[in-house]
N, C-alpha and C. Protein backbone atom coordinates (compact mmCIF):
# COMPACT_ATOMS: atom_id res chain seq x y z
N UNK A 1 -6.66 -3.90 -5.83
CA UNK A 1 -5.72 -4.13 -6.88
C UNK A 1 -4.80 -5.29 -6.54
N UNK A 2 -3.83 -5.49 -7.42
CA UNK A 2 -2.85 -6.55 -7.18
C UNK A 2 -1.51 -6.13 -7.76
N UNK A 3 -0.47 -6.76 -7.26
CA UNK A 3 0.87 -6.51 -7.74
C UNK A 3 1.15 -7.48 -8.90
N UNK A 4 1.55 -6.94 -10.03
CA UNK A 4 1.86 -7.75 -11.21
C UNK A 4 3.29 -8.26 -11.14
N UNK A 5 3.64 -9.18 -12.03
CA UNK A 5 4.98 -9.77 -12.05
C UNK A 5 6.08 -8.73 -12.22
N UNK A 6 5.79 -7.63 -12.92
CA UNK A 6 6.80 -6.59 -13.14
C UNK A 6 6.88 -5.60 -11.97
N UNK A 7 6.09 -5.83 -10.91
CA UNK A 7 6.12 -4.97 -9.74
C UNK A 7 5.13 -3.83 -9.79
N UNK A 8 4.39 -3.69 -10.88
CA UNK A 8 3.41 -2.60 -10.98
C UNK A 8 2.12 -2.98 -10.25
N UNK A 9 1.36 -1.97 -9.87
CA UNK A 9 0.08 -2.15 -9.20
C UNK A 9 -1.01 -2.06 -10.26
N UNK A 10 -1.84 -3.08 -10.35
CA UNK A 10 -2.93 -3.12 -11.33
C UNK A 10 -4.24 -2.84 -10.61
N UNK A 11 -4.97 -1.82 -11.05
CA UNK A 11 -6.30 -1.54 -10.51
C UNK A 11 -7.23 -2.64 -11.01
N UNK A 12 -7.86 -3.35 -10.09
CA UNK A 12 -8.73 -4.47 -10.47
C UNK A 12 -10.00 -4.02 -11.17
N UNK A 13 -10.37 -2.77 -11.02
CA UNK A 13 -11.61 -2.28 -11.61
C UNK A 13 -11.40 -1.70 -13.00
N UNK A 14 -10.43 -0.78 -13.12
CA UNK A 14 -10.20 -0.11 -14.40
C UNK A 14 -9.04 -0.69 -15.20
N UNK A 15 -8.21 -1.50 -14.57
CA UNK A 15 -7.02 -2.12 -15.18
C UNK A 15 -5.92 -1.11 -15.47
N UNK A 16 -5.98 0.08 -14.86
CA UNK A 16 -4.85 1.02 -14.97
C UNK A 16 -3.70 0.42 -14.19
N UNK A 17 -2.48 0.71 -14.61
CA UNK A 17 -1.29 0.21 -13.91
C UNK A 17 -0.44 1.38 -13.46
N UNK A 18 0.16 1.22 -12.27
CA UNK A 18 0.98 2.26 -11.64
C UNK A 18 2.31 1.66 -11.22
N UNK A 19 3.37 2.48 -11.30
CA UNK A 19 4.67 2.01 -10.82
C UNK A 19 4.77 2.25 -9.31
N UNK A 20 5.92 1.95 -8.72
CA UNK A 20 6.11 2.07 -7.28
C UNK A 20 6.05 3.49 -6.75
N UNK A 21 6.17 4.46 -7.63
CA UNK A 21 6.08 5.87 -7.22
C UNK A 21 4.66 6.41 -7.39
N UNK A 22 3.73 5.55 -7.86
CA UNK A 22 2.35 5.97 -8.04
C UNK A 22 2.05 6.58 -9.40
N UNK A 23 3.03 6.55 -10.30
CA UNK A 23 2.83 7.13 -11.63
C UNK A 23 2.10 6.15 -12.53
N UNK A 24 1.19 6.66 -13.35
CA UNK A 24 0.46 5.84 -14.31
C UNK A 24 1.42 5.33 -15.38
N UNK A 25 1.41 4.02 -15.61
CA UNK A 25 2.29 3.47 -16.65
C UNK A 25 1.51 2.77 -17.76
N UNK A 26 0.21 2.50 -17.54
CA UNK A 26 -0.58 1.88 -18.60
C UNK A 26 -2.05 2.14 -18.35
N UNK A 27 -2.75 2.52 -19.42
CA UNK A 27 -4.20 2.69 -19.41
C UNK A 27 -4.72 1.96 -20.64
N UNK A 28 -5.28 0.75 -20.46
CA UNK A 28 -5.65 -0.05 -21.62
C UNK A 28 -6.78 0.54 -22.47
N UNK A 29 -7.55 1.48 -21.93
CA UNK A 29 -8.68 2.04 -22.66
C UNK A 29 -8.29 3.12 -23.67
N UNK A 30 -7.02 3.50 -23.72
CA UNK A 30 -6.59 4.57 -24.63
C UNK A 30 -5.52 4.07 -25.59
N UNK A 31 -5.30 4.84 -26.63
CA UNK A 31 -4.21 4.55 -27.56
C UNK A 31 -2.88 4.86 -26.86
N UNK A 32 -1.84 4.14 -27.21
CA UNK A 32 -0.52 4.35 -26.59
C UNK A 32 -0.04 5.78 -26.75
N UNK A 33 -0.40 6.43 -27.85
CA UNK A 33 0.03 7.80 -28.11
C UNK A 33 -0.60 8.80 -27.14
N UNK A 34 -1.69 8.44 -26.49
CA UNK A 34 -2.38 9.33 -25.56
C UNK A 34 -1.86 9.21 -24.12
N UNK A 35 -1.03 8.21 -23.84
CA UNK A 35 -0.58 7.95 -22.48
C UNK A 35 0.17 9.14 -21.89
N UNK A 36 1.00 9.80 -22.66
CA UNK A 36 1.76 10.94 -22.12
C UNK A 36 0.83 12.07 -21.68
N UNK A 37 -0.27 12.26 -22.39
CA UNK A 37 -1.26 13.28 -22.00
C UNK A 37 -1.90 12.92 -20.66
N UNK A 38 -2.25 11.65 -20.51
CA UNK A 38 -2.85 11.17 -19.25
C UNK A 38 -1.84 11.31 -18.11
N UNK A 39 -0.60 10.92 -18.35
CA UNK A 39 0.44 10.98 -17.31
C UNK A 39 0.74 12.41 -16.88
N UNK A 40 0.52 13.37 -17.76
CA UNK A 40 0.79 14.77 -17.43
C UNK A 40 -0.19 15.33 -16.41
N UNK A 41 -1.34 14.71 -16.29
CA UNK A 41 -2.34 15.15 -15.32
C UNK A 41 -2.05 14.50 -13.98
N UNK A 42 -1.70 15.29 -12.95
CA UNK A 42 -1.37 14.69 -11.64
C UNK A 42 -2.52 13.92 -11.02
N UNK A 43 -3.76 14.19 -11.44
CA UNK A 43 -4.90 13.47 -10.89
C UNK A 43 -4.98 12.03 -11.41
N UNK A 44 -4.20 11.72 -12.44
CA UNK A 44 -4.23 10.36 -12.97
C UNK A 44 -3.26 9.44 -12.23
N UNK A 45 -2.48 9.99 -11.33
CA UNK A 45 -1.54 9.20 -10.54
C UNK A 45 -2.16 8.85 -9.20
N UNK A 46 -1.56 7.93 -8.49
CA UNK A 46 -2.06 7.59 -7.16
C UNK A 46 -0.95 7.88 -6.14
N UNK A 47 -1.32 7.96 -4.89
CA UNK A 47 -0.33 8.20 -3.84
C UNK A 47 0.53 6.97 -3.64
N UNK A 48 1.77 7.20 -3.27
CA UNK A 48 2.69 6.12 -2.97
C UNK A 48 3.15 6.31 -1.53
N UNK A 49 2.96 5.28 -0.72
CA UNK A 49 3.29 5.36 0.69
C UNK A 49 4.44 4.42 1.02
N UNK A 50 5.33 4.83 1.92
CA UNK A 50 6.38 3.90 2.37
C UNK A 50 5.74 2.73 3.13
N UNK A 51 6.23 1.53 2.87
CA UNK A 51 5.72 0.34 3.55
C UNK A 51 6.88 -0.51 4.03
N UNK A 52 6.56 -1.37 4.98
CA UNK A 52 7.54 -2.32 5.50
C UNK A 52 6.79 -3.56 5.94
N UNK A 53 7.34 -4.73 5.68
CA UNK A 53 6.72 -5.98 6.12
C UNK A 53 7.54 -6.53 7.28
N UNK A 54 6.89 -6.66 8.43
CA UNK A 54 7.56 -7.19 9.62
C UNK A 54 6.68 -8.28 10.21
N UNK A 55 7.25 -9.46 10.41
CA UNK A 55 6.51 -10.61 10.95
C UNK A 55 5.24 -10.88 10.15
N UNK A 56 5.29 -10.68 8.82
CA UNK A 56 4.16 -10.96 7.96
C UNK A 56 3.07 -9.90 7.98
N UNK A 57 3.30 -8.78 8.66
CA UNK A 57 2.33 -7.70 8.73
C UNK A 57 2.83 -6.54 7.88
N UNK A 58 1.96 -6.00 7.03
CA UNK A 58 2.31 -4.85 6.20
C UNK A 58 2.04 -3.57 6.98
N UNK A 59 3.11 -2.80 7.23
CA UNK A 59 3.00 -1.53 7.93
C UNK A 59 3.08 -0.42 6.89
N UNK A 60 2.11 0.49 6.91
CA UNK A 60 2.05 1.58 5.94
C UNK A 60 2.25 2.90 6.69
N UNK A 61 3.19 3.71 6.19
CA UNK A 61 3.39 5.06 6.71
C UNK A 61 2.40 5.95 5.97
N UNK A 62 1.35 6.47 6.65
CA UNK A 62 0.26 7.16 5.95
C UNK A 62 0.59 8.60 5.55
N UNK A 63 1.66 8.76 4.82
CA UNK A 63 2.08 10.09 4.36
C UNK A 63 2.79 9.91 3.02
N UNK A 64 2.41 10.67 2.04
CA UNK A 64 3.03 10.55 0.73
C UNK A 64 3.86 11.78 0.36
N UNK A 65 4.21 12.59 1.37
CA UNK A 65 5.01 13.79 1.10
C UNK A 65 6.43 13.40 0.70
N UNK A 66 7.20 14.38 0.29
CA UNK A 66 8.57 14.11 -0.15
C UNK A 66 9.46 13.62 1.00
N UNK A 67 9.12 13.94 2.23
CA UNK A 67 9.91 13.50 3.39
C UNK A 67 9.41 12.20 4.00
N UNK A 68 8.36 11.63 3.47
CA UNK A 68 7.73 10.45 4.08
C UNK A 68 8.69 9.27 4.20
N UNK A 69 9.48 9.01 3.17
CA UNK A 69 10.40 7.87 3.22
C UNK A 69 11.44 8.05 4.32
N UNK A 70 11.95 9.26 4.47
CA UNK A 70 12.94 9.54 5.51
C UNK A 70 12.31 9.41 6.89
N UNK A 71 11.13 10.02 7.07
CA UNK A 71 10.45 9.96 8.36
C UNK A 71 10.11 8.53 8.75
N UNK A 72 9.64 7.74 7.79
CA UNK A 72 9.27 6.36 8.11
C UNK A 72 10.50 5.53 8.45
N UNK A 73 11.62 5.81 7.78
CA UNK A 73 12.86 5.07 8.06
C UNK A 73 13.40 5.40 9.44
N UNK A 74 13.13 6.60 9.93
CA UNK A 74 13.63 7.02 11.24
C UNK A 74 12.68 6.65 12.39
N UNK A 75 11.50 6.13 12.06
CA UNK A 75 10.52 5.77 13.08
C UNK A 75 10.46 4.25 13.22
N UNK A 76 10.75 3.73 14.41
CA UNK A 76 10.72 2.27 14.57
C UNK A 76 9.30 1.71 14.43
N UNK A 77 9.20 0.57 13.79
CA UNK A 77 7.91 -0.12 13.65
C UNK A 77 7.73 -1.01 14.87
N UNK A 78 6.53 -0.97 15.48
CA UNK A 78 6.32 -1.86 16.63
C UNK A 78 6.41 -3.31 16.21
N UNK A 79 6.91 -4.15 17.08
CA UNK A 79 7.04 -5.56 16.76
C UNK A 79 6.69 -6.38 17.99
N UNK A 80 6.50 -7.67 17.77
CA UNK A 80 6.16 -8.58 18.86
C UNK A 80 7.42 -8.86 19.66
N UNK A 81 7.48 -8.31 20.85
CA UNK A 81 8.67 -8.49 21.69
C UNK A 81 8.46 -9.51 22.80
N UNK A 82 7.48 -10.40 22.63
CA UNK A 82 7.18 -11.37 23.68
C UNK A 82 7.89 -12.70 23.48
N UNK A 83 8.54 -12.90 22.35
CA UNK A 83 9.38 -14.06 22.07
C UNK A 83 8.73 -15.38 22.50
N UNK A 84 7.49 -15.61 22.07
CA UNK A 84 6.81 -16.86 22.35
C UNK A 84 6.09 -16.88 23.68
N UNK A 85 6.30 -15.88 24.52
CA UNK A 85 5.61 -15.81 25.81
C UNK A 85 4.15 -15.39 25.58
N UNK A 86 3.31 -15.68 26.55
CA UNK A 86 1.93 -15.21 26.47
C UNK A 86 1.89 -13.69 26.54
N UNK A 87 1.00 -13.10 25.75
CA UNK A 87 0.84 -11.65 25.76
C UNK A 87 0.06 -11.27 27.02
N UNK A 88 0.54 -10.26 27.76
CA UNK A 88 -0.18 -9.84 28.97
C UNK A 88 -1.62 -9.44 28.65
N UNK A 89 -2.55 -9.83 29.51
CA UNK A 89 -3.98 -9.58 29.29
C UNK A 89 -4.28 -8.11 29.01
N UNK A 90 -3.58 -7.19 29.66
CA UNK A 90 -3.85 -5.75 29.45
C UNK A 90 -3.44 -5.26 28.06
N UNK A 91 -2.67 -6.06 27.32
CA UNK A 91 -2.25 -5.68 25.96
C UNK A 91 -3.19 -6.21 24.89
N UNK A 92 -4.21 -6.97 25.30
CA UNK A 92 -5.11 -7.60 24.33
C UNK A 92 -6.40 -6.80 24.26
N UNK A 93 -6.78 -6.45 23.03
CA UNK A 93 -8.05 -5.77 22.80
C UNK A 93 -9.08 -6.81 22.41
N UNK A 94 -10.17 -6.87 23.16
CA UNK A 94 -11.24 -7.82 22.87
C UNK A 94 -12.48 -7.02 22.51
N UNK A 95 -12.74 -6.93 21.23
CA UNK A 95 -13.90 -6.18 20.77
C UNK A 95 -14.52 -6.88 19.58
N UNK A 96 -15.58 -6.29 19.10
CA UNK A 96 -16.24 -6.84 17.92
C UNK A 96 -15.38 -6.60 16.69
N UNK A 97 -15.35 -7.58 15.80
CA UNK A 97 -14.66 -7.42 14.53
C UNK A 97 -15.56 -6.67 13.57
N UNK A 98 -14.97 -5.81 12.81
CA UNK A 98 -15.68 -5.14 11.74
C UNK A 98 -15.39 -5.90 10.47
N UNK A 99 -16.31 -5.92 9.52
CA UNK A 99 -16.08 -6.67 8.29
C UNK A 99 -14.85 -6.21 7.55
N UNK A 100 -14.39 -4.97 7.74
CA UNK A 100 -13.21 -4.48 7.05
C UNK A 100 -11.94 -5.18 7.53
N UNK A 101 -11.93 -5.72 8.75
CA UNK A 101 -10.75 -6.38 9.28
C UNK A 101 -10.68 -7.85 8.90
N UNK A 102 -11.69 -8.39 8.29
CA UNK A 102 -11.73 -9.81 7.97
C UNK A 102 -11.30 -10.03 6.52
N UNK A 103 -10.57 -11.12 6.25
CA UNK A 103 -10.16 -11.40 4.86
C UNK A 103 -11.37 -11.74 4.01
N UNK A 104 -11.33 -11.32 2.77
CA UNK A 104 -12.41 -11.61 1.84
C UNK A 104 -11.87 -11.68 0.43
N UNK A 105 -12.68 -12.15 -0.46
CA UNK A 105 -12.29 -12.21 -1.88
C UNK A 105 -13.45 -11.83 -2.76
N UNK A 106 -13.15 -11.48 -3.98
CA UNK A 106 -14.20 -11.11 -4.93
C UNK A 106 -14.40 -12.19 -5.94
């Protein structure tokens, strides 16, 4: 998906739109009068996870419970503490890349 100008998340496949809490706000395949019926079904919503961007990396707290925002705020996010120094060899993982870790486009 992608983030729209209004801050909503647009599903690239179905074009459904969700707000920051994961609630459905638009379904282009239905009449506007039917949207409230769709929104009433909890299965039509998506999970919303706390996130933070640090040094250009998106960190996701993988919990969507009611306490997730508090727990994520109380847990420090790891950051690069080497301040331009070389990273110690024992801190570097050298393995095969999986295609999921590589950038791609459709």
